[in-house]
Protein backbone atom coordinates (compact mmCIF):
# COMPACT_ATOMS: atom_id res chain seq x y z
CA UNK A 1 -0.17 0.01 -0.05
CA UNK A 2 1.17 3.64 -0.55
CA UNK A 3 -0.08 7.05 0.69
CA UNK A 4 -0.50 10.16 -1.40
CA UNK A 5 -2.13 13.43 -1.32
CA UNK A 6 -4.18 15.19 -3.55
CA UNK A 7 -5.25 19.00 -3.39
CA UNK A 8 -8.99 18.59 -4.67
CA UNK A 9 -11.28 16.01 -4.25
CA UNK A 10 -12.09 15.72 -8.22
CA UNK A 11 -9.19 14.02 -8.27
CA UNK A 12 -10.41 10.91 -6.81
CA UNK A 13 -13.20 9.01 -8.79
CA UNK A 14 -16.62 9.43 -7.30
CA UNK A 15 -17.12 5.89 -7.30
CA UNK A 16 -13.64 4.93 -5.23
CA UNK A 17 -14.51 7.61 -2.78
CA UNK A 18 -17.95 6.36 -1.97
CA UNK A 19 -17.13 3.06 -1.90
CA UNK A 20 -15.32 3.25 1.45
CA UNK A 21 -16.98 3.14 4.73
CA UNK A 22 -18.59 6.50 5.73
CA UNK A 23 -21.05 5.05 7.96
CA UNK A 24 -24.13 6.54 6.59
CA UNK A 25 -22.75 10.26 6.76
CA UNK A 26 -24.23 12.52 3.96
CA UNK A 27 -21.37 14.98 4.75
CA UNK A 28 -18.33 12.40 3.85
CA UNK A 29 -19.80 11.69 0.51
CA UNK A 30 -18.00 12.80 -2.92
CA UNK A 31 -20.61 14.65 -3.75
CA UNK A 32 -20.81 16.99 -0.25
CA UNK A 33 -17.10 17.57 -0.40
CA UNK A 34 -17.03 18.35 -4.29
CA UNK A 35 -19.81 20.64 -3.87
CA UNK A 36 -17.97 22.95 -1.22
CA UNK A 37 -14.84 22.71 -3.12
CA UNK A 38 -16.17 23.53 -6.85
CA UNK A 39 -18.33 26.05 -5.15
CA UNK A 40 -15.11 27.54 -3.61
CA UNK A 41 -16.39 27.40 -0.08
CA UNK A 42 -13.97 25.12 0.72
CA UNK A 43 -10.63 26.91 -1.03
CA UNK A 44 -7.66 27.75 -0.31
CA UNK A 45 -8.74 31.61 -0.57
CA UNK A 46 -11.07 30.89 2.40
CA UNK A 47 -8.79 29.22 4.58
CA UNK A 48 -9.71 25.92 3.65
CA UNK A 49 -7.09 24.30 1.31
CA UNK A 50 -8.02 20.77 0.27
CA UNK A 51 -5.00 18.47 1.38
CA UNK A 52 -6.56 14.67 1.35
CA UNK A 53 -4.53 11.87 2.12
CA UNK A 54 -5.28 8.65 0.36
CA UNK A 55 -3.97 5.17 0.91
CA UNK A 56 -3.85 2.79 -2.40
CA UNK A 57 -3.31 -0.84 -2.57
CA UNK A 58 -1.00 -2.14 -4.79
CA UNK A 59 -3.48 -2.28 -7.73
CA UNK A 60 -4.00 1.02 -7.01
CA UNK A 61 -7.27 0.81 -5.62
CA UNK A 62 -8.39 3.29 -3.16
CA UNK A 63 -9.14 1.74 0.28
CA UNK A 64 -8.42 4.63 2.80
CA UNK A 65 -8.64 8.28 2.94
CA UNK A 66 -8.77 11.29 5.36
CA UNK A 67 -10.61 14.29 4.26
CA UNK A 68 -8.02 16.70 5.44
CA UNK A 69 -7.43 20.65 4.98
CA UNK A 70 -4.81 22.96 5.22
CA UNK A 71 -6.14 25.61 7.48
CA UNK A 72 -5.20 29.16 8.13
CA UNK A 73 -7.43 30.09 10.94
CA UNK A 74 -9.98 28.64 13.08
CA UNK A 75 -13.47 29.87 11.67
CA UNK A 76 -15.97 27.14 10.50
CA UNK A 77 -14.89 24.41 12.65
CA UNK A 78 -16.95 24.48 16.16
CA UNK A 79 -14.23 23.22 18.28
CA UNK A 80 -12.73 26.39 19.79
CA UNK A 81 -8.84 26.77 19.83
CA UNK A 82 -8.65 30.49 19.31
CA UNK A 83 -6.88 30.83 22.78
CA UNK A 84 -4.47 28.08 21.83
CA UNK A 85 -3.46 30.14 18.65
CA UNK A 86 -3.17 33.55 21.03
CA UNK A 87 -0.70 31.47 23.28
CA UNK A 88 1.46 30.59 20.45
CA UNK A 89 1.34 34.28 19.36
CA UNK A 90 2.15 35.70 22.90
CA UNK A 91 5.13 32.94 22.67
CA UNK A 92 6.58 34.12 19.36
CA UNK A 93 5.40 30.91 17.42
CA UNK A 94 2.97 30.15 14.66
CA UNK A 95 -0.17 28.18 15.23
CA UNK A 96 -1.06 28.35 11.61
CA UNK A 97 -1.08 26.79 9.41
CA UNK A 98 -2.71 23.57 10.80
CA UNK A 99 -4.51 20.59 9.60
CA UNK A 100 -7.95 19.64 10.16
CA UNK A 101 -9.67 16.38 9.29
CA UNK A 102 -13.77 16.94 9.09
CA UNK A 103 -16.01 18.24 6.34
CA UNK A 104 -15.80 21.96 6.35
CA UNK A 105 -18.56 23.86 8.40
CA UNK A 106 -20.01 20.99 9.50
CA UNK A 107 -20.42 19.87 13.54
CA UNK A 108 -21.83 16.48 12.96
CA UNK A 109 -20.30 13.37 14.34
CA UNK A 110 -19.16 10.65 12.01
CA UNK A 111 -16.00 8.79 11.00
CA UNK A 112 -12.84 10.67 10.10
CA UNK A 113 -11.09 7.47 9.01
CA UNK A 114 -12.81 6.37 5.77
CA UNK A 115 -11.62 2.79 5.09
CA UNK A 116 -12.98 0.13 2.61
CA UNK A 117 -14.82 -2.43 4.32
CA UNK A 118 -12.54 -5.39 2.48
CA UNK A 119 -9.27 -4.44 4.30
CA UNK A 120 -7.81 -4.55 7.06
CA UNK A 121 -8.93 -1.52 9.15
CA UNK A 122 -6.18 -1.45 12.01
CA UNK A 123 -3.43 -1.44 9.00
CA UNK A 124 -4.85 1.22 6.84
CA UNK A 125 -6.12 2.98 10.42
CA UNK A 126 -1.91 3.28 11.01
CA UNK A 127 -1.22 4.09 7.49
CA UNK A 128 -3.89 7.11 7.48
CA UNK A 129 -2.60 8.47 10.82
CA UNK A 130 1.06 7.95 9.74
CA UNK A 131 0.29 9.80 6.44
CA UNK A 132 -1.10 12.77 7.94
CA UNK A 133 1.62 13.26 10.27
CA UNK A 134 4.00 13.38 7.58
CA UNK A 135 2.20 15.73 5.55
CA UNK A 136 1.96 18.00 8.80
CA UNK A 137 5.28 18.06 9.48
CA UNK A 138 6.60 18.39 5.73
CA UNK A 139 4.19 21.27 5.34
CA UNK A 140 5.50 22.74 8.82
CA UNK A 141 1.87 22.64 10.16
CA UNK A 142 1.68 23.25 14.01
CA UNK A 143 -0.91 20.61 14.39
CA UNK A 144 -3.29 18.01 13.17
CA UNK A 145 -6.67 17.78 14.44
CA UNK A 146 -9.55 15.48 13.99
CA UNK A 147 -12.79 17.11 14.76
CA UNK A 148 -16.25 15.08 15.90
CA UNK A 149 -14.92 11.81 15.30
CA UNK A 150 -17.36 8.80 15.86
CA UNK A 151 -16.80 6.48 18.87
CA UNK A 152 -15.30 3.93 16.13
CA UNK A 153 -12.45 6.05 15.16
CA UNK A 154 -12.07 7.57 18.66
CA UNK A 155 -11.31 3.85 19.80
CA UNK A 156 -9.27 3.21 16.69
CA UNK A 157 -6.98 6.16 17.59
CA UNK A 158 -6.79 5.79 21.19
CA UNK A 159 -3.21 4.52 20.94
CA UNK A 160 -1.90 6.90 18.88
CA UNK A 161 -1.30 9.65 21.46
CA UNK A 162 -3.66 12.19 20.48
CA UNK A 163 -5.22 14.31 22.79
CA UNK A 164 -8.76 14.06 23.32
CA UNK A 165 -11.49 16.82 23.83
CA UNK A 166 -14.73 16.56 25.23
CA UNK A 167 -17.93 18.83 24.44
CA UNK A 168 -21.37 18.57 24.89
CA UNK A 169 -24.29 18.93 22.00
CA UNK A 170 -27.64 18.38 22.36
CA UNK A 171 -29.20 15.41 20.07
CA UNK A 172 -32.78 13.42 20.02
CA UNK A 173 -33.10 9.57 20.21
CA UNK A 174 -35.96 7.97 18.39
CA UNK A 175 -37.16 4.87 21.04
CA UNK A 176 -39.40 3.41 18.53
CA UNK A 177 -42.48 6.38 18.99
CA UNK A 178 -45.49 5.59 17.09
CA UNK A 179 -46.56 9.21 16.47
CA UNK A 180 -45.29 12.83 17.88
CA UNK A 181 -48.24 12.62 20.60
CA UNK A 182 -46.46 9.19 21.61
CA UNK A 183 -43.21 10.97 21.95
CA UNK A 184 -44.94 13.46 23.74
CA UNK A 185 -46.50 11.09 26.25
CA UNK A 186 -42.90 10.41 27.50
CA UNK A 187 -42.50 14.29 28.73
CA UNK A 188 -43.49 15.36 32.22
CA UNK A 189 -47.41 17.03 32.17
CA UNK A 190 -45.63 20.44 32.54
CA UNK A 191 -43.13 20.14 29.69
CA UNK A 192 -46.17 18.52 27.29
CA UNK A 193 -48.21 21.22 28.06
CA UNK A 194 -45.66 23.74 26.88
CA UNK A 195 -44.64 21.65 23.89
CA UNK A 196 -48.02 21.48 22.75
CA UNK A 197 -48.58 25.22 23.09
CA UNK A 198 -45.76 26.15 21.07
CA UNK A 199 -47.20 24.01 18.38
CA UNK A 200 -50.59 25.47 18.79
CA UNK A 201 -49.29 29.09 18.66
CA UNK A 202 -47.69 28.35 15.30
CA UNK A 203 -50.97 26.88 14.06
CA UNK A 204 -53.06 29.66 14.72
CA UNK A 205 -50.63 32.31 13.29
CA UNK A 206 -52.35 30.37 10.16
CA UNK A 207 -48.76 29.27 9.31
CA UNK A 208 -48.35 25.54 7.50
CA UNK A 209 -45.40 23.95 6.35
CA UNK A 210 -43.98 22.38 2.87
CA UNK A 211 -41.53 19.67 2.75
CA UNK A 212 -38.84 20.01 0.20
CA UNK A 213 -36.05 18.04 -0.88
CA UNK A 214 -33.22 19.02 -3.44
CA UNK A 215 -35.37 17.83 -6.33
CA UNK A 216 -37.79 20.64 -5.40
CA UNK A 217 -34.85 23.59 -5.02
CA UNK A 218 -34.38 24.96 -8.17
CA UNK A 219 -34.70 28.65 -9.48
CA UNK A 220 -37.04 30.63 -7.17
CA UNK A 221 -37.50 28.22 -4.72
CA UNK A 222 -33.77 27.98 -4.14
CA UNK A 223 -33.80 31.73 -3.96
CA UNK A 224 -36.10 31.95 -1.25
CA UNK A 225 -34.30 29.29 0.90
CA UNK A 226 -30.81 30.60 0.49
CA UNK A 227 -32.27 34.19 1.26
CA UNK A 228 -33.63 33.16 4.61
CA UNK A 229 -30.21 31.30 5.21
CA UNK A 230 -28.14 34.27 4.29
CA UNK A 231 -29.85 36.52 6.00
CA UNK A 232 -29.25 34.92 9.36
CA UNK A 233 -25.74 35.46 8.79
CA UNK A 234 -26.22 38.90 8.10
CA UNK A 235 -28.38 39.39 10.86
CA UNK A 236 -25.11 38.57 13.19
CA UNK A 237 -22.73 40.87 10.78
CA UNK A 238 -21.10 37.87 9.07
CA UNK A 239 -20.73 36.64 5.47
CA UNK A 240 -22.27 33.02 4.91
CA UNK A 241 -19.80 30.31 4.93
CA UNK A 242 -21.75 28.56 1.95
CA UNK A 243 -22.85 30.09 -1.14
CA UNK A 244 -25.87 29.86 -3.65
CA UNK A 245 -23.63 27.53 -5.97
CA UNK A 246 -22.99 25.43 -2.95
CA UNK A 247 -26.71 24.49 -2.69
CA UNK A 248 -27.67 24.59 -6.12
CA UNK A 249 -24.76 21.92 -6.87
CA UNK A 250 -25.79 19.93 -3.72
CA UNK A 251 -29.46 20.04 -4.44
CA UNK A 252 -28.65 18.46 -8.20
CA UNK A 253 -25.72 15.65 -7.02
CA UNK A 254 -27.30 14.46 -3.66
CA UNK A 255 -30.80 15.82 -4.00
CA UNK A 256 -32.37 12.94 -1.35
CA UNK A 257 -29.82 13.72 1.53
CA UNK A 258 -31.08 17.73 1.24
CA UNK A 259 -34.41 18.32 2.98
CA UNK A 260 -36.14 21.59 3.88
CA UNK A 261 -38.66 22.62 5.90
CA UNK A 262 -40.49 25.69 4.34
CA UNK A 263 -43.08 27.67 6.79
CA UNK A 264 -45.87 29.72 4.55
CA UNK A 265 -48.34 31.96 5.63
CA UNK A 266 -50.75 32.02 3.02
CA UNK A 267 -48.72 31.84 -0.06
CA UNK A 268 -46.02 33.35 1.36
CA UNK A 269 -42.55 31.92 2.78
CA UNK A 270 -41.70 33.39 6.13
CA UNK A 271 -38.76 30.77 7.26
CA UNK A 272 -36.79 27.97 6.43
CA UNK A 273 -34.70 25.16 8.07
CA UNK A 274 -32.51 23.25 6.26
CA UNK A 275 -31.53 20.04 7.13
CA UNK A 276 -29.24 16.86 5.62
CA UNK A 277 -30.60 13.17 6.02
CA UNK A 278 -27.93 10.63 6.66
CA UNK A 279 -28.92 6.95 6.73
CA UNK A 280 -30.22 6.93 10.18
CA UNK A 281 -29.65 10.56 11.37
CA UNK A 282 -31.32 13.87 10.53
CA UNK A 283 -28.82 16.73 10.72
CA UNK A 284 -30.32 20.04 11.45
CA UNK A 285 -27.94 22.65 10.18
CA UNK A 286 -29.36 26.05 8.94
CA UNK A 287 -32.31 28.46 9.98
CA UNK A 288 -33.74 31.79 8.86
CA UNK A 289 -36.96 33.65 8.97
CA UNK A 290 -38.34 37.33 7.42
CA UNK A 291 -39.38 38.31 11.00
CA UNK A 292 -40.36 37.55 14.64
CA UNK A 293 -42.98 34.82 14.73
CA UNK A 294 -43.94 33.32 17.90
CA UNK A 295 -42.58 29.67 18.63
CA UNK A 296 -41.96 29.48 14.92
CA UNK A 297 -38.17 28.70 15.46
CA UNK A 298 -38.91 25.98 17.73
CA UNK A 299 -41.55 24.72 15.37
CA UNK A 300 -39.50 24.46 12.19
CA UNK A 301 -36.03 23.31 13.40
CA UNK A 302 -37.00 20.91 16.22
CA UNK A 303 -40.55 19.62 16.34
CA UNK A 304 -40.73 19.59 12.34
CA UNK A 305 -37.53 17.65 12.68
CA UNK A 306 -38.38 15.15 15.34
CA UNK A 307 -41.70 14.40 13.60
CA UNK A 308 -40.01 13.72 10.31
CA UNK A 309 -37.70 11.37 12.16
CA UNK A 310 -40.40 9.63 13.65
CA UNK A 311 -42.17 9.31 10.32
CA UNK A 312 -39.17 7.95 8.48
CA UNK A 313 -37.98 5.69 11.14
CA UNK A 314 -34.56 7.53 11.60
CA UNK A 315 -32.73 7.02 14.99
CA UNK A 316 -31.15 10.14 15.47
CA UNK A 317 -31.64 13.82 15.30
CA UNK A 318 -28.36 16.24 15.63
CA UNK A 319 -29.62 19.71 15.42
CA UNK A 320 -26.21 21.43 15.67
CA UNK A 321 -24.28 23.01 18.00
CA UNK A 322 -24.49 24.83 21.27
CA UNK A 323 -28.32 25.64 22.46
CA UNK A 324 -29.30 24.48 25.88
CA UNK A 325 -33.28 25.46 24.74
CA UNK A 326 -33.17 22.38 22.98
CA UNK A 327 -33.38 20.64 26.18
CA UNK A 328 -36.95 21.57 26.66
CA UNK A 329 -37.63 19.96 23.14
CA UNK A 330 -36.38 16.83 24.00
CA UNK A 331 -32.95 16.76 23.22
CA UNK A 332 -30.54 15.38 25.92
CA UNK A 333 -26.81 16.39 26.58
CA UNK A 334 -24.26 13.83 24.67
CA UNK A 335 -20.68 14.00 24.25
CA UNK A 336 -19.04 15.10 21.22
CA UNK A 337 -15.10 14.87 20.77
CA UNK A 338 -12.08 15.96 18.96
CA UNK A 339 -8.41 14.90 18.96
CA UNK A 340 -5.66 16.71 18.69
CA UNK A 341 -1.95 15.98 17.89
CA UNK A 342 0.41 18.95 18.96
CA UNK A 343 3.78 18.97 17.70
CA UNK A 344 5.52 21.66 20.05
CA UNK A 345 6.24 19.26 23.38
CA UNK A 346 5.65 21.95 25.77
CA UNK A 347 2.37 23.35 24.18
CA UNK A 348 1.09 19.94 24.13
CA UNK A 349 1.71 19.05 27.63
CA UNK A 350 0.06 22.34 28.78
CA UNK A 351 -2.86 22.03 26.33
CA UNK A 352 -3.10 18.30 27.76
CA UNK A 353 -3.37 19.62 31.28
CA UNK A 354 -6.18 22.12 30.41
CA UNK A 355 -8.41 19.57 28.12
CA UNK A 356 -7.95 17.16 31.53
CA UNK A 357 -9.62 20.25 33.59
CA UNK A 358 -11.72 21.36 30.90
CA UNK A 359 -13.21 17.53 30.71
CA UNK A 360 -14.10 17.47 34.21
CA UNK A 361 -16.39 20.89 33.91
CA UNK A 362 -17.87 19.49 30.66
CA UNK A 363 -19.10 16.29 32.40
CA UNK A 364 -20.26 18.36 35.43
CA UNK A 365 -22.12 20.57 33.01
CA UNK A 366 -23.65 17.37 31.21
CA UNK A 367 -24.87 15.81 34.55
CA UNK A 368 -26.37 19.08 35.50
CA UNK A 369 -28.24 19.19 31.99
CA UNK A 370 -29.30 15.90 32.34
CA UNK A 371 -31.67 17.04 35.59
CA UNK A 372 -33.55 19.21 32.92
CA UNK A 373 -34.63 16.99 30.08
CA UNK A 374 -38.73 17.11 29.89
CA UNK A 375 -39.04 13.32 30.08
CA UNK A 376 -40.59 11.34 33.01
CA UNK A 377 -37.51 9.81 34.72
CA UNK A 378 -38.59 6.33 33.74
CA UNK A 379 -39.27 7.12 30.06
CA UNK A 380 -35.76 9.00 30.01
CA UNK A 381 -34.30 5.77 30.91
CA UNK A 382 -36.06 3.71 28.24
CA UNK A 383 -35.03 6.53 25.69
CA UNK A 384 -31.32 6.08 26.55
CA UNK A 385 -31.45 2.47 26.65
CA UNK A 386 -33.03 2.62 23.20
CA UNK A 387 -36.39 1.22 23.99
CA UNK A 388 -39.71 1.97 23.17
CA UNK A 389 -41.20 4.05 25.80
CA UNK A 390 -44.29 3.04 27.90
CA UNK A 391 -47.46 3.58 25.95
CA UNK A 392 -50.34 3.89 29.15
CA UNK A 393 -50.03 7.77 28.91
CA UNK A 394 -50.12 7.88 25.30
CA UNK A 395 -53.10 5.54 25.03
CA UNK A 396 -54.64 7.72 27.94
CA UNK A 397 -53.43 11.10 26.95
CA UNK A 398 -52.96 11.50 30.77
CA UNK A 399 -49.80 12.45 32.40
CA UNK A 400 -48.05 9.58 34.22
CA UNK A 401 -46.53 11.79 37.02
CA UNK A 402 -49.22 13.74 38.10
CA UNK A 403 -53.57 14.45 37.66
CA UNK A 404 -53.51 17.56 35.50
CA UNK A 405 -54.75 17.18 32.03
CA UNK A 406 -52.93 18.83 29.13
CA UNK A 407 -54.78 21.84 27.62
């Protein structure tokens, strides 16, 4: 086997790349990465220079890959190391460039070592990390970072000496709910009443939803959805990471993975939430609206997504980073990780000590957040175990934890 680097995903045959095991992630398909690169969203001029590592066997067949980018900044990663960069600068050292292994602008857990299912995973894993480190050292990068790896890759790299960083997101798990009402039946009475009130307010405002896929996002419809997306960034004084060309491309090349919930008042679109669908997971990515509508954000981004997962039989819903307001809508604190290979021995030691302290704080935060999930405690345990919730409350539409009825 041999390793080589490519400066663009288009140098790899789509069928060869997609034959690697991506464990159902839409963000690691050739189509998604090519849309980012061909639209120039992920390009040297944006600080995301493609530097993908490939492993090929003696016959030239692709058997392993890492989606790798040479970074000149830390924006668009959602694993925040700006303080590390400042510390390097204060000591007269360069933190940038660095190498990042992750699909750009995508804080979603998934594999980072893409390996063909017919080869020795341990061997190819070792070859990939060796090649990435050699690339890092040859370029003179300060570090190598694998962002949001799944548990399988984290375990595979446990003996490679990478520093592990813990963070928290809020994810939803499908415990086999028959419908949205059965899901709400696992809430405490008070939380169930609030969720229903949120949904009712949106309906009483005369809003309804259209569900679109990439097949539907052409011309004027795409203009509307992209306008909502770009406006959200503009309201915060930022340019959007993704341009219209990206969405136009991904709607054409990966249409079934792109899903939009469009909120409509009469015939006028007023808000949109953009999702991506994997084999068993829904990923919430972007949101925008034309004004203030009571509870519309919660309905469009969370309730509609959960209802979609129940209907489609998807196991998980990852709605993105941050947002403690997600807890009340049924999203539980979930550990997410990043792995960091720091070259400088002094900074490696200092960052490692910091991550140990940080992990204790994150674990404490997650334990505290667990106390605020809206579920009845018995239903919460069932949900974590992946078991179907108890059906008595769903059947009677009465709370299992008190006499009050929902309004």
